[in-house]
């Protein structure tokens, strides 16, 4: 079983992951309303990934004999000036998520919970990829500035992103 302290922290992180999913769905809808189907696709995939992250954590909590307690999801922002602003907000948000996961990992170390540490190591690696991906898109959008052809090309590239089931779910964990 997870300790009471660690279980409470996992439940808070599950809620944070679901809030993240909601945020990315909002970003997707905003981009779709601006006619940026590729950007909308990128954020919709991000929405699916965040849901999967919550599911991985819920499965872990349940497999350890604890309860998942879902909390209300707070409201999220619904409009961004442009894709660049949305991706800048994404990077800030992913850095915040990295700090939350790191704190959860540190608690797992403090509680000497090795299975939790092992599972959270995957999330730490995933967060490096999340931040890198957002930064790469920011760099591309900065490079083209307001060049409509450049923005169109980036939008087309982002339209090719597909959802890949995260490895802990693929393994049935």
Protein backbone atom coordinates (compact mmCIF):
# COMPACT_ATOMS: atom_id res chain seq x y z
CA UNK A 1 0.00 0.00 0.00
CA UNK A 2 0.97 3.59 -0.56
CA UNK A 3 1.47 5.61 2.60
CA UNK A 4 -1.37 8.00 3.38
CA UNK A 5 0.89 10.96 2.56
CA UNK A 6 1.98 9.51 -0.79
CA UNK A 7 -1.56 8.46 -1.71
CA UNK A 8 -2.80 12.00 -1.06
CA UNK A 9 0.03 13.40 -3.21
CA UNK A 10 -0.75 10.96 -6.05
CA UNK A 11 -4.40 11.97 -5.96
CA UNK A 12 -3.38 15.63 -6.17
CA UNK A 13 -1.15 14.83 -9.16
CA UNK A 14 -3.94 12.88 -10.85
CA UNK A 15 -6.11 15.97 -10.55
CA UNK A 16 -3.26 18.11 -11.93
CA UNK A 17 -2.93 15.77 -14.93
CA UNK A 18 -6.66 15.98 -15.61
CA UNK A 19 -6.52 19.78 -15.32
CA UNK A 20 -3.65 19.73 -17.82
CA UNK A 21 -5.77 17.66 -20.18
CA UNK A 22 -8.58 20.19 -19.87
CA UNK A 23 -6.14 23.06 -20.54
CA UNK A 24 -4.84 21.38 -23.71
CA UNK A 25 -8.35 20.66 -24.91
CA UNK A 26 -9.11 24.35 -24.46
CA UNK A 27 -5.98 25.26 -26.43
CA UNK A 28 -7.05 22.83 -29.16
CA UNK A 29 -10.50 24.40 -29.42
CA UNK A 30 -9.00 27.90 -29.53
CA UNK A 31 -6.62 26.94 -32.35
CA UNK A 32 -9.43 25.22 -34.26
CA UNK A 33 -11.51 28.40 -33.98
CA UNK A 34 -8.59 30.29 -35.59
CA UNK A 35 -8.51 27.74 -38.43
CA UNK A 36 -5.20 26.22 -37.36
CA UNK A 37 -6.07 22.56 -37.71
CA UNK A 38 -2.49 21.37 -37.18
CA UNK A 39 -2.02 23.34 -33.99
CA UNK A 40 -5.44 22.13 -32.85
CA UNK A 41 -4.34 18.55 -33.58
CA UNK A 42 -1.10 18.96 -31.61
CA UNK A 43 -3.00 20.19 -28.57
CA UNK A 44 -5.67 17.50 -28.93
CA UNK A 45 -2.94 14.85 -28.87
CA UNK A 46 -1.50 16.59 -25.81
CA UNK A 47 -4.97 16.39 -24.23
CA UNK A 48 -5.01 12.62 -24.86
CA UNK A 49 -1.50 12.22 -23.42
CA UNK A 50 -2.44 14.04 -20.22
CA UNK A 51 -5.51 11.82 -19.83
CA UNK A 52 -3.24 8.80 -20.28
CA UNK A 53 -0.83 10.15 -17.67
CA UNK A 54 -3.71 10.46 -15.19
CA UNK A 55 -4.78 6.92 -16.05
CA UNK A 56 -1.28 5.55 -15.42
CA UNK A 57 -1.25 7.19 -12.01
CA UNK A 58 -4.79 6.03 -11.20
CA UNK A 59 -3.82 2.47 -12.13
CA UNK A 60 -0.77 2.71 -9.88
CA UNK A 61 -2.78 3.97 -6.91
CA UNK A 62 -5.41 1.26 -7.37
CA UNK A 63 -2.84 -1.50 -7.88
CA UNK A 64 -1.27 -0.55 -4.57
CA UNK A 65 -4.57 -1.05 -2.74
CA UNK A 66 -5.47 2.60 -2.35
CA UNK A 67 -8.39 4.73 -3.53
CA UNK A 68 -8.41 7.31 -6.29
CA UNK A 69 -10.30 10.39 -5.21
CA UNK A 70 -11.10 12.72 -8.07
CA UNK A 71 -11.55 16.41 -7.32
CA UNK A 72 -13.33 19.11 -9.31
CA UNK A 73 -11.36 20.50 -12.24
CA UNK A 74 -10.70 24.23 -11.99
CA UNK A 75 -11.50 26.49 -14.92
CA UNK A 76 -8.84 27.01 -17.59
CA UNK A 77 -7.97 29.83 -19.93
CA UNK A 78 -9.99 29.66 -23.15
CA UNK A 79 -8.32 32.11 -25.54
CA UNK A 80 -4.81 32.87 -26.71
CA UNK A 81 -3.65 35.66 -28.99
CA UNK A 82 -1.96 33.19 -31.34
CA UNK A 83 -0.21 29.83 -31.50
CA UNK A 84 3.05 31.26 -30.21
CA UNK A 85 1.38 32.53 -27.05
CA UNK A 86 -0.30 29.14 -26.54
CA UNK A 87 2.99 27.27 -26.92
CA UNK A 88 4.78 29.69 -24.59
CA UNK A 89 2.06 29.01 -22.03
CA UNK A 90 2.53 25.30 -22.72
CA UNK A 91 6.23 25.48 -21.90
CA UNK A 92 5.56 27.38 -18.66
CA UNK A 93 2.88 24.82 -17.77
CA UNK A 94 5.10 21.82 -18.55
CA UNK A 95 7.86 23.26 -16.36
CA UNK A 96 5.30 23.52 -13.54
CA UNK A 97 4.24 19.89 -14.13
CA UNK A 98 7.91 18.86 -14.05
CA UNK A 99 8.28 20.49 -10.63
CA UNK A 100 5.13 18.71 -9.38
CA UNK A 101 6.35 15.31 -10.61
CA UNK A 102 9.80 15.92 -9.15
CA UNK A 103 8.25 16.78 -5.78
CA UNK A 104 6.16 13.59 -5.95
CA UNK A 105 9.30 11.58 -6.76
CA UNK A 106 11.13 13.18 -3.83
CA UNK A 107 8.23 12.22 -1.55
CA UNK A 108 8.42 8.64 -2.85
CA UNK A 109 12.14 8.63 -1.94
CA UNK A 110 11.35 10.06 1.51
CA UNK A 111 8.68 7.38 2.01
CA UNK A 112 11.06 4.68 0.70
CA UNK A 113 8.42 3.62 -1.81
CA UNK A 114 10.49 1.94 -4.53
CA UNK A 115 7.62 0.95 -6.83
CA UNK A 116 6.41 4.56 -6.88
CA UNK A 117 9.94 5.81 -7.55
CA UNK A 118 10.29 3.38 -10.44
CA UNK A 119 6.99 4.46 -12.00
CA UNK A 120 7.69 8.16 -11.48
CA UNK A 121 11.09 7.85 -13.17
CA UNK A 122 9.19 7.28 -16.44
CA UNK A 123 7.26 10.52 -15.85
CA UNK A 124 10.44 12.47 -15.19
CA UNK A 125 11.86 11.29 -18.52
CA UNK A 126 8.54 12.10 -20.20
CA UNK A 127 8.65 15.65 -18.84
CA UNK A 128 12.06 16.25 -20.42
CA UNK A 129 10.48 15.33 -23.77
CA UNK A 130 7.41 17.51 -23.12
CA UNK A 131 9.49 20.60 -22.39
CA UNK A 132 11.81 19.95 -25.34
CA UNK A 133 8.88 19.53 -27.74
CA UNK A 134 7.22 22.79 -26.65
CA UNK A 135 10.53 24.67 -26.89
CA UNK A 136 11.17 23.35 -30.42
CA UNK A 137 7.78 24.59 -31.60
CA UNK A 138 8.32 27.97 -29.92
CA UNK A 139 11.68 28.24 -31.71
CA UNK A 140 10.03 27.43 -35.05
CA UNK A 141 7.23 29.94 -34.51
CA UNK A 142 9.74 32.59 -33.42
CA UNK A 143 11.80 31.90 -36.55
CA UNK A 144 8.90 32.53 -38.94
CA UNK A 145 7.46 35.40 -36.89
CA UNK A 146 4.33 36.56 -38.72
CA UNK A 147 5.22 34.98 -42.08
CA UNK A 148 1.92 33.40 -43.09
CA UNK A 149 3.56 30.81 -45.34
CA UNK A 150 5.90 29.78 -42.51
CA UNK A 151 2.97 29.52 -40.10
CA UNK A 152 1.08 27.42 -42.65
CA UNK A 153 4.02 25.04 -42.99
CA UNK A 154 4.34 24.65 -39.21
CA UNK A 155 0.59 24.07 -38.95
CA UNK A 156 0.82 21.35 -41.61
CA UNK A 157 3.69 19.69 -39.75
CA UNK A 158 1.80 19.76 -36.44
CA UNK A 159 -1.17 18.11 -38.18
CA UNK A 160 0.92 14.94 -38.61
CA UNK A 161 1.27 14.29 -34.87
CA UNK A 162 -0.46 11.10 -33.73
CA UNK A 163 -1.29 9.75 -30.30
CA UNK A 164 0.98 6.97 -29.12
CA UNK A 165 -0.13 5.01 -26.08
CA UNK A 166 2.39 5.75 -23.31
CA UNK A 167 4.53 2.70 -22.51
CA UNK A 168 3.17 2.07 -18.99
CA UNK A 169 -0.32 1.77 -20.47
CA UNK A 170 0.89 -0.32 -23.40
CA UNK A 171 2.33 -2.78 -20.88
CA UNK A 172 -1.02 -2.93 -19.13
CA UNK A 173 0.35 -1.39 -15.93
